Amino acid sequence: MNRYLLLVIFSPGLVFFYCEYLIYFFVQSSCDWPKLPQSNQSLRALILADTHLLGPYRGHWFDKLRREWQMSMSWLAANTLHSPDVVFFLGDIFDEGKWANQKQYEHYVERFKQMFPANSPHHVLVGNHDVGFHYMMDGIKLNRFYKTFNLSSSDVLRLGGITFVTINSMAMEGDGCSICKEAEKRINSIASSLKDNEKPILLQVLFKENSMPKKICICTKHKYTFPLSISLYLGNLTRFVKAKILCRTKKNTLNFVRN
């Protein structure tokens, strides 16, 4: 009788421990980095997107608690098991950053740092939920995000022998506003600084084909294609997205091609 009583008492706790802690490690233990020849130079990059931390306006408190617990445990498991060399956050880290006042924004940043401690170098990109879509974002919201995460409209990152170029896609409207002009100037500066044999990986939210800017060419110096290869792991779903931005066409426009 005592054995059954102990089983009844401890079983819920064991189930809870498994479902809310161990399962994250079990699931991610089935993942591993690709095996490469020892002669190849490699960089272990963990890529996250759309964490959408809830703010003060939307979402129930329990929904917020549940989401953040799951993301925290996933993060802990990923870093413990896989030890990435670098981590990229591809925008929309906040869900309500575009509406947050300064006090709310600072609280947002603290929560983000607590949930995703920097065990390895972090590189954060801006998303529309962080600062708003093109016609909603302004210099104040944009600059506070840039300052917080030490970035600009476009940056060059050279990590482990691989070149990455980050882009603020909301500033690619091409309508001549001050934000777009600054972003275009920055991109042209980056393009002219790249070496002849340097083929960067572009990091940012993918454009829709029918909304591509028509007057920007980010590789005015080079005739080769810029690859964008992003592997996202979402639960049991692995999605590999490839795109190429072909530059220096006859009309000096951007062409979007999906493989």
C-alpha atoms as a PDB file:
ATOM      1  CA  MET A   1       0.000   0.000   0.000  1.00  0.00           C
ATOM      2  CA  ASN A   2       2.791   2.409   0.897  1.00  0.00           C
ATOM      3  CA  ARG A   3       4.463   1.757  -2.462  1.00  0.00           C
ATOM      4  CA  TYR A   4       1.310   2.713  -4.359  1.00  0.00           C
ATOM      5  CA  LEU A   5       0.832   5.750  -2.155  1.00  0.00           C
ATOM      6  CA  LEU A   6       4.357   6.961  -2.903  1.00  0.00           C
ATOM      7  CA  LEU A   7       3.751   6.354  -6.601  1.00  0.00           C
ATOM      8  CA  VAL A   8       0.594   8.482  -6.516  1.00  0.00           C
ATOM      9  CA  ILE A   9       2.380  11.228  -4.620  1.00  0.00           C
ATOM     10  CA  PHE A  10       5.544  11.427  -6.712  1.00  0.00           C
ATOM     11  CA  SER A  11       4.237  10.580 -10.186  1.00  0.00           C
ATOM     12  CA  PRO A  12       2.781  14.061 -10.901  1.00  0.00           C
ATOM     13  CA  GLY A  13       6.075  15.644  -9.896  1.00  0.00           C
ATOM     14  CA  LEU A  14       8.084  13.326 -12.140  1.00  0.00           C
ATOM     15  CA  VAL A  15       5.734  13.947 -15.067  1.00  0.00           C
ATOM     16  CA  PHE A  16       5.993  17.711 -14.525  1.00  0.00           C
ATOM     17  CA  PHE A  17       9.813  17.532 -14.312  1.00  0.00           C
ATOM     18  CA  TYR A  18       9.978  15.580 -17.563  1.00  0.00           C
ATOM     19  CA  CYS A  19       7.477  17.721 -19.491  1.00  0.00           C
ATOM     20  CA  GLU A  20       8.786  21.076 -18.293  1.00  0.00           C
ATOM     21  CA  TYR A  21      12.530  20.416 -18.164  1.00  0.00           C
ATOM     22  CA  LEU A  22      13.978  17.140 -19.436  1.00  0.00           C
ATOM     23  CA  ILE A  23      11.991  17.002 -22.663  1.00  0.00           C
ATOM     24  CA  TYR A  24      13.811  20.045 -24.072  1.00  0.00           C
ATOM     25  CA  PHE A  25      17.128  18.245 -23.711  1.00  0.00           C
ATOM     26  CA  PHE A  26      15.792  14.961 -25.091  1.00  0.00           C
ATOM     27  CA  VAL A  27      14.350  16.601 -28.196  1.00  0.00           C
ATOM     28  CA  GLN A  28      17.435  18.666 -28.966  1.00  0.00           C
ATOM     29  CA  SER A  29      19.795  15.767 -28.293  1.00  0.00           C
ATOM     30  CA  SER A  30      18.620  14.322 -31.627  1.00  0.00           C
ATOM     31  CA  CYS A  31      20.087  17.355 -33.420  1.00  0.00           C
ATOM     32  CA  ASP A  32      23.768  17.815 -34.181  1.00  0.00           C
ATOM     33  CA  TRP A  33      26.075  19.946 -36.258  1.00  0.00           C
ATOM     34  CA  PRO A  34      26.892  18.735 -39.783  1.00  0.00           C
ATOM     35  CA  LYS A  35      30.033  16.645 -40.021  1.00  0.00           C
ATOM     36  CA  LEU A  36      32.682  18.498 -42.015  1.00  0.00           C
ATOM     37  CA  PRO A  37      36.197  17.493 -43.090  1.00  0.00           C
ATOM     38  CA  GLN A  38      38.772  18.632 -40.570  1.00  0.00           C
ATOM     39  CA  SER A  39      40.448  20.741 -43.245  1.00  0.00           C
ATOM     40  CA  ASN A  40      37.286  22.861 -43.667  1.00  0.00           C
ATOM     41  CA  GLN A  41      36.899  26.047 -41.676  1.00  0.00           C
ATOM     42  CA  SER A  42      33.593  26.044 -39.829  1.00  0.00           C
ATOM     43  CA  LEU A  43      31.432  28.316 -37.728  1.00  0.00           C
ATOM     44  CA  ARG A  44      28.676  26.971 -35.492  1.00  0.00           C
ATOM     45  CA  ALA A  45      25.860  29.495 -35.749  1.00  0.00           C
ATOM     46  CA  LEU A  46      22.567  29.279 -33.884  1.00  0.00           C
ATOM     47  CA  ILE A  47      19.876  31.282 -35.694  1.00  0.00           C
ATOM     48  CA  LEU A  48      16.714  32.392 -33.882  1.00  0.00           C
ATOM     49  CA  ALA A  49      13.866  34.486 -35.212  1.00  0.00           C
ATOM     50  CA  ASP A  50      10.609  35.987 -33.993  1.00  0.00           C
ATOM     51  CA  THR A  51      10.866  35.420 -30.253  1.00  0.00           C
ATOM     52  CA  HIS A  52       8.086  38.042 -29.916  1.00  0.00           C
ATOM     53  CA  LEU A  53       8.399  38.702 -26.199  1.00  0.00           C
ATOM     54  CA  LEU A  54       4.981  39.936 -25.116  1.00  0.00           C
ATOM     55  CA  GLY A  55       4.668  43.443 -23.722  1.00  0.00           C
ATOM     56  CA  PRO A  56       2.179  45.292 -21.520  1.00  0.00           C
ATOM     57  CA  TYR A  57      -0.637  45.546 -24.067  1.00  0.00           C
ATOM     58  CA  ARG A  58      -1.257  42.140 -25.575  1.00  0.00           C
ATOM     59  CA  GLY A  59      -1.437  38.619 -24.191  1.00  0.00           C
ATOM     60  CA  HIS A  60      -2.561  37.079 -20.915  1.00  0.00           C
ATOM     61  CA  TRP A  61      -0.031  36.939 -18.065  1.00  0.00           C
ATOM     62  CA  PHE A  62      -0.117  33.131 -18.052  1.00  0.00           C
ATOM     63  CA  ASP A  63       0.450  33.034 -21.814  1.00  0.00           C
ATOM     64  CA  LYS A  64       3.463  35.287 -21.315  1.00  0.00           C
ATOM     65  CA  LEU A  65       4.774  33.121 -18.466  1.00  0.00           C
ATOM     66  CA  ARG A  66       4.324  29.937 -20.483  1.00  0.00           C
ATOM     67  CA  ARG A  67       5.957  31.270 -23.624  1.00  0.00           C
ATOM     68  CA  GLU A  68       8.961  32.667 -21.816  1.00  0.00           C
ATOM     69  CA  TRP A  69       9.505  29.486 -19.810  1.00  0.00           C
ATOM     70  CA  GLN A  70       9.502  27.416 -23.001  1.00  0.00           C
ATOM     71  CA  MET A  71      11.904  29.767 -24.762  1.00  0.00           C
ATOM     72  CA  SER A  72      14.207  29.876 -21.731  1.00  0.00           C
ATOM     73  CA  MET A  73      14.352  26.095 -21.511  1.00  0.00           C
ATOM     74  CA  SER A  74      14.893  25.733 -25.268  1.00  0.00           C
ATOM     75  CA  TRP A  75      17.701  28.252 -25.049  1.00  0.00           C
ATOM     76  CA  LEU A  76      19.306  26.455 -22.083  1.00  0.00           C
ATOM     77  CA  ALA A  77      19.143  23.103 -23.858  1.00  0.00           C
ATOM     78  CA  ALA A  78      20.547  24.472 -27.124  1.00  0.00           C
ATOM     79  CA  ASN A  79      23.524  26.128 -25.450  1.00  0.00           C
ATOM     80  CA  THR A  80      24.226  23.214 -23.139  1.00  0.00           C
ATOM     81  CA  LEU A  81      24.107  20.543 -25.842  1.00  0.00           C
ATOM     82  CA  HIS A  82      25.397  22.383 -28.911  1.00  0.00           C
ATOM     83  CA  SER A  83      27.659  25.230 -27.681  1.00  0.00           C
ATOM     84  CA  PRO A  84      27.279  27.559 -30.705  1.00  0.00           C
ATOM     85  CA  ASP A  85      30.126  29.875 -31.661  1.00  0.00           C
ATOM     86  CA  VAL A  86      27.739  32.723 -32.460  1.00  0.00           C
ATOM     87  CA  VAL A  87      24.015  33.438 -32.156  1.00  0.00           C
ATOM     88  CA  PHE A  88      21.914  35.501 -34.588  1.00  0.00           C
ATOM     89  CA  PHE A  89      18.500  36.887 -33.646  1.00  0.00           C
ATOM     90  CA  LEU A  90      16.747  37.718 -36.917  1.00  0.00           C
ATOM     91  CA  GLY A  91      14.404  40.454 -35.759  1.00  0.00           C
ATOM     92  CA  ASP A  92      11.063  40.692 -33.962  1.00  0.00           C
ATOM     93  CA  ILE A  93      12.621  39.865 -30.617  1.00  0.00           C
ATOM     94  CA  PHE A  94       9.922  42.063 -29.055  1.00  0.00           C
ATOM     95  CA  ASP A  95       6.247  41.818 -29.913  1.00  0.00           C
ATOM     96  CA  GLU A  96       5.271  45.340 -28.837  1.00  0.00           C
ATOM     97  CA  GLY A  97       8.528  47.265 -29.205  1.00  0.00           C
ATOM     98  CA  LYS A  98       6.905  49.570 -31.754  1.00  0.00           C
ATOM     99  CA  TRP A  99       4.428  50.752 -29.070  1.00  0.00           C
ATOM    100  CA  ALA A 100       6.665  50.674 -25.990  1.00  0.00           C
ATOM    101  CA  ASN A 101       7.635  53.898 -24.233  1.00  0.00           C
ATOM    102  CA  GLN A 102      11.154  54.249 -22.869  1.00  0.00           C
ATOM    103  CA  LYS A 103      10.419  52.651 -19.492  1.00  0.00           C
ATOM    104  CA  GLN A 104       8.595  49.729 -21.092  1.00  0.00           C
ATOM    105  CA  TYR A 105      11.381  49.345 -23.632  1.00  0.00           C
ATOM    106  CA  GLU A 106      14.066  49.186 -20.935  1.00  0.00           C
ATOM    107  CA  HIS A 107      12.072  46.494 -19.151  1.00  0.00           C
ATOM    108  CA  TYR A 108      11.819  44.631 -22.452  1.00  0.00           C
ATOM    109  CA  VAL A 109      15.598  44.706 -22.876  1.00  0.00           C
ATOM    110  CA  GLU A 110      16.204  43.411 -19.357  1.00  0.00           C
ATOM    111  CA  ARG A 111      13.813  40.506 -19.917  1.00  0.00           C
ATOM    112  CA  PHE A 112      15.520  39.658 -23.189  1.00  0.00           C
ATOM    113  CA  LYS A 113      18.956  39.601 -21.550  1.00  0.00           C
ATOM    114  CA  GLN A 114      17.698  37.437 -18.709  1.00  0.00           C
ATOM    115  CA  MET A 115      16.070  34.933 -21.061  1.00  0.00           C
ATOM    116  CA  PHE A 116      18.986  34.754 -23.505  1.00  0.00           C
ATOM    117  CA  PRO A 117      22.217  35.253 -21.527  1.00  0.00           C
ATOM    118  CA  ALA A 118      25.258  35.795 -23.717  1.00  0.00           C
ATOM    119  CA  ASN A 119      27.076  32.468 -23.429  1.00  0.00           C
ATOM    120  CA  SER A 120      28.435  33.180 -26.905  1.00  0.00           C
ATOM    121  CA  PRO A 121      28.544  36.347 -29.068  1.00  0.00           C
ATOM    122  CA  HIS A 122      25.070  37.679 -29.881  1.00  0.00           C
ATOM    123  CA  HIS A 123      24.113  39.619 -32.987  1.00  0.00           C
ATOM    124  CA  VAL A 124      20.601  41.053 -32.997  1.00  0.00           C
ATOM    125  CA  LEU A 125      18.834  42.347 -36.109  1.00  0.00           C
ATOM    126  CA  VAL A 126      15.880  44.708 -36.128  1.00  0.00           C
ATOM    127  CA  GLY A 127      12.365  43.593 -37.064  1.00  0.00           C
ATOM    128  CA  ASN A 128       9.105  45.395 -37.732  1.00  0.00           C
ATOM    129  CA  HIS A 129       7.674  44.465 -34.314  1.00  0.00           C
ATOM    130  CA  ASP A 130      10.755  45.995 -32.685  1.00  0.00           C
ATOM    131  CA  VAL A 131      10.435  49.433 -34.290  1.00  0.00           C
ATOM    132  CA  GLY A 132       7.386  49.297 -36.599  1.00  0.00           C
ATOM    133  CA  PHE A 133       6.958  48.913 -40.338  1.00  0.00           C
ATOM    134  CA  HIS A 134       8.482  51.514 -42.625  1.00  0.00           C
ATOM    135  CA  TYR A 135       5.830  54.204 -42.235  1.00  0.00           C
ATOM    136  CA  MET A 136       5.505  53.608 -38.482  1.00  0.00           C
ATOM    137  CA  MET A 137       9.140  53.561 -37.398  1.00  0.00           C
ATOM    138  CA  ASP A 138      10.897  56.775 -36.507  1.00  0.00           C
ATOM    139  CA  GLY A 139      14.394  57.871 -35.587  1.00  0.00           C
ATOM    140  CA  ILE A 140      13.772  57.624 -31.834  1.00  0.00           C
ATOM    141  CA  LYS A 141      12.590  53.999 -31.857  1.00  0.00           C
ATOM    142  CA  LEU A 142      15.172  53.005 -34.449  1.00  0.00           C
ATOM    143  CA  ASN A 143      18.152  54.641 -32.755  1.00  0.00           C
ATOM    144  CA  ARG A 144      17.358  53.291 -29.289  1.00  0.00           C
ATOM    145  CA  PHE A 145      17.255  49.764 -30.754  1.00  0.00           C
ATOM    146  CA  TYR A 146      20.495  50.345 -32.671  1.00  0.00           C
ATOM    147  CA  LYS A 147      22.186  51.706 -29.539  1.00  0.00           C
ATOM    148  CA  THR A 148      20.943  48.859 -27.311  1.00  0.00           C
ATOM    149  CA  PHE A 149      22.256  46.120 -29.579  1.00  0.00           C
ATOM    150  CA  ASN A 150      25.211  47.987 -31.109  1.00  0.00           C
ATOM    151  CA  LEU A 151      24.119  47.862 -34.731  1.00  0.00           C
ATOM    152  CA  SER A 152      23.159  50.126 -37.624  1.00  0.00           C
ATOM    153  CA  SER A 153      20.935  49.853 -40.689  1.00  0.00           C
ATOM    154  CA  SER A 154      23.538  47.509 -42.227  1.00  0.00           C
ATOM    155  CA  ASP A 155      26.672  45.979 -40.768  1.00  0.00           C
ATOM    156  CA  VAL A 156      29.499  43.706 -41.884  1.00  0.00           C
ATOM    157  CA  LEU A 157      30.401  40.837 -39.566  1.00  0.00           C
ATOM    158  CA  ARG A 158      33.459  38.705 -40.282  1.00  0.00           C
ATOM    159  CA  LEU A 159      33.271  35.620 -38.109  1.00  0.00           C
ATOM    160  CA  GLY A 160      35.321  32.464 -38.444  1.00  0.00           C
ATOM    161  CA  GLY A 161      36.392  33.343 -41.964  1.00  0.00           C
ATOM    162  CA  ILE A 162      32.784  33.942 -43.067  1.00  0.00           C
ATOM    163  CA  THR A 163      31.365  37.353 -43.960  1.00  0.00           C
ATOM    164  CA  PHE A 164      27.815  38.300 -42.958  1.00  0.00           C
ATOM    165  CA  VAL A 165      25.951  41.442 -43.986  1.00  0.00           C
ATOM    166  CA  THR A 166      22.941  42.493 -41.923  1.00  0.00           C
ATOM    167  CA  ILE A 167      20.138  44.586 -43.382  1.00  0.00           C
ATOM    168  CA  ASN A 168      17.235  46.542 -41.930  1.00  0.00           C
ATOM    169  CA  SER A 169      14.577  45.502 -44.444  1.00  0.00           C
ATOM    170  CA  MET A 170      12.123  48.165 -43.207  1.00  0.00           C
ATOM    171  CA  ALA A 171      14.571  50.771 -44.518  1.00  0.00           C
ATOM    172  CA  MET A 172      14.502  49.276 -48.011  1.00  0.00           C
ATOM    173  CA  GLU A 173      11.304  51.044 -49.105  1.00  0.00           C
ATOM    174  CA  GLY A 174      13.258  53.259 -51.487  1.00  0.00           C
ATOM    175  CA  ASP A 175      10.910  56.236 -51.049  1.00  0.00           C
ATOM    176  CA  GLY A 176      13.663  58.792 -50.443  1.00  0.00           C
ATOM    177  CA  CYS A 177      13.013  59.295 -46.714  1.00  0.00           C
ATOM    178  CA  SER A 178      15.947  60.067 -44.435  1.00  0.00           C
ATOM    179  CA  ILE A 179      15.985  56.548 -42.953  1.00  0.00           C
ATOM    180  CA  CYS A 180      16.036  54.928 -46.398  1.00  0.00           C
ATOM    181  CA  LYS A 181      18.714  57.304 -47.677  1.00  0.00           C
ATOM    182  CA  GLU A 182      20.966  56.533 -44.718  1.00  0.00           C
ATOM    183  CA  ALA A 183      20.435  52.792 -45.210  1.00  0.00           C
ATOM    184  CA  GLU A 184      21.178  53.002 -48.949  1.00  0.00           C
ATOM    185  CA  LYS A 185      24.329  54.998 -48.258  1.00  0.00           C
ATOM    186  CA  ARG A 186      25.438  52.432 -45.702  1.00  0.00           C
ATOM    187  CA  ILE A 187      24.805  49.516 -48.083  1.00  0.00           C
ATOM    188  CA  ASN A 188      26.728  51.171 -50.905  1.00  0.00           C
ATOM    189  CA  SER A 189      29.619  51.780 -48.503  1.00  0.00           C
ATOM    190  CA  ILE A 190      29.621  48.122 -47.494  1.00  0.00           C
ATOM    191  CA  ALA A 191      29.488  46.969 -51.126  1.00  0.00           C
ATOM    192  CA  SER A 192      32.502  49.073 -52.036  1.00  0.00           C
ATOM    193  CA  SER A 193      34.491  47.773 -49.042  1.00  0.00           C
ATOM    194  CA  LEU A 194      34.081  44.078 -49.858  1.00  0.00           C
ATOM    195  CA  LYS A 195      37.019  42.212 -51.281  1.00  0.00           C
ATOM    196  CA  ASP A 196      36.814  40.813 -54.801  1.00  0.00           C
ATOM    197  CA  ASN A 197      36.621  37.195 -53.584  1.00  0.00           C
ATOM    198  CA  GLU A 198      34.343  37.955 -50.628  1.00  0.00           C
ATOM    199  CA  LYS A 199      30.822  36.536 -50.884  1.00  0.00           C
ATOM    200  CA  PRO A 200      28.806  37.571 -47.848  1.00  0.00           C
ATOM    201  CA  ILE A 201      25.765  35.863 -46.397  1.00  0.00           C
ATOM    202  CA  LEU A 202      22.867  38.304 -46.095  1.00  0.00           C
ATOM    203  CA  LEU A 203      20.883  38.188 -42.882  1.00  0.00           C
ATOM    204  CA  GLN A 204      17.418  39.668 -42.544  1.00  0.00           C
ATOM    205  CA  VAL A 205      13.751  39.101 -43.145  1.00  0.00           C
ATOM    206  CA  LEU A 206      13.119  37.938 -46.719  1.00  0.00           C
ATOM    207  CA  PHE A 207      11.483  40.396 -49.082  1.00  0.00           C
ATOM    208  CA  LYS A 208       8.303  39.474 -50.884  1.00  0.00           C
ATOM    209  CA  GLU A 209       8.977  39.278 -54.590  1.00  0.00           C
ATOM    210  CA  ASN A 210       6.361  41.891 -55.456  1.00  0.00           C
ATOM    211  CA  SER A 211       7.644  44.354 -52.847  1.00  0.00           C
ATOM    212  CA  MET A 212      11.324  44.465 -53.761  1.00  0.00           C
ATOM    213  CA  PRO A 213      12.846  47.948 -53.909  1.00  0.00           C
ATOM    214  CA  LYS A 214      13.499  49.042 -57.476  1.00  0.00           C
ATOM    215  CA  LYS A 215      16.369  51.491 -57.128  1.00  0.00           C
ATOM    216  CA  ILE A 216      18.861  49.781 -54.824  1.00  0.00           C
ATOM    217  CA  CYS A 217      21.720  47.514 -55.811  1.00  0.00           C
ATOM    218  CA  ILE A 218      23.717  46.275 -52.851  1.00  0.00           C
ATOM    219  CA  CYS A 219      26.602  44.911 -54.894  1.00  0.00           C
ATOM    220  CA  THR A 220      27.544  47.713 -57.222  1.00  0.00           C
ATOM    221  CA  LYS A 221      31.157  46.573 -57.146  1.00  0.00           C
ATOM    222  CA  HIS A 222      30.641  42.854 -57.732  1.00  0.00           C
ATOM    223  CA  LYS A 223      29.037  40.768 -60.462  1.00  0.00           C
ATOM    224  CA  TYR A 224      28.686  37.562 -58.482  1.00  0.00           C
ATOM    225  CA  THR A 225      25.564  36.553 -56.595  1.00  0.00           C
ATOM    226  CA  PHE A 226      25.057  37.013 -52.882  1.00  0.00           C
ATOM    227  CA  PRO A 227      23.750  33.824 -51.258  1.00  0.00           C
ATOM    228  CA  LEU A 228      21.286  33.784 -48.390  1.00  0.00           C
ATOM    229  CA  SER A 229      21.143  30.438 -46.652  1.00  0.00           C
ATOM    230  CA  ILE A 230      19.238  30.244 -43.385  1.00  0.00           C
ATOM    231  CA  SER A 231      18.444  27.017 -41.580  1.00  0.00           C
ATOM    232  CA  LEU A 232      15.669  27.364 -39.009  1.00  0.00           C
ATOM    233  CA  TYR A 233      14.779  24.618 -36.581  1.00  0.00           C
ATOM    234  CA  LEU A 234      11.209  24.826 -35.297  1.00  0.00           C
ATOM    235  CA  GLY A 235      10.241  21.926 -33.067  1.00  0.00           C
ATOM    236  CA  ASN A 236      10.255  18.843 -35.303  1.00  0.00           C
ATOM    237  CA  LEU A 237      10.189  20.929 -38.479  1.00  0.00           C
ATOM    238  CA  THR A 238      13.450  21.762 -40.232  1.00  0.00           C
ATOM    239  CA  ARG A 239      13.110  24.272 -43.010  1.00  0.00           C
ATOM    240  CA  PHE A 240      15.956  25.243 -45.281  1.00  0.00           C
ATOM    241  CA  VAL A 241      15.414  28.459 -47.153  1.00  0.00           C
ATOM    242  CA  LYS A 242      17.636  29.572 -49.990  1.00  0.00           C
ATOM    243  CA  ALA A 243      17.525  32.749 -51.990  1.00  0.00           C
ATOM    244  CA  LYS A 244      19.833  34.683 -54.226  1.00  0.00           C
ATOM    245  CA  ILE A 245      19.941  38.366 -54.838  1.00  0.00           C
ATOM    246  CA  LEU A 246      21.341  38.964 -58.302  1.00  0.00           C
ATOM    247  CA  CYS A 247      22.810  42.382 -58.819  1.00  0.00           C
ATOM    248  CA  ARG A 248      24.098  44.624 -61.563  1.00  0.00           C
ATOM    249  CA  THR A 249      21.415  43.902 -64.112  1.00  0.00           C
ATOM    250  CA  LYS A 250      20.852  46.134 -67.102  1.00  0.00           C
ATOM    251  CA  LYS A 251      18.423  48.312 -65.155  1.00  0.00           C
ATOM    252  CA  ASN A 252      20.573  48.233 -62.000  1.00  0.00           C
ATOM    253  CA  THR A 253      17.722  46.696 -60.021  1.00  0.00           C
ATOM    254  CA  LEU A 254      17.407  43.859 -57.542  1.00  0.00           C
ATOM    255  CA  ASN A 255      16.109  40.509 -58.749  1.00  0.00           C
ATOM    256  CA  PHE A 256      14.797  37.946 -56.304  1.00  0.00           C
ATOM    257  CA  VAL A 257      15.245  34.288 -57.215  1.00  0.00           C
ATOM    258  CA  ARG A 258      14.173  31.292 -55.115  1.00  0.00           C
ATOM    259  CA  ASN A 259      15.933  27.941 -55.474  1.00  0.00           C
END
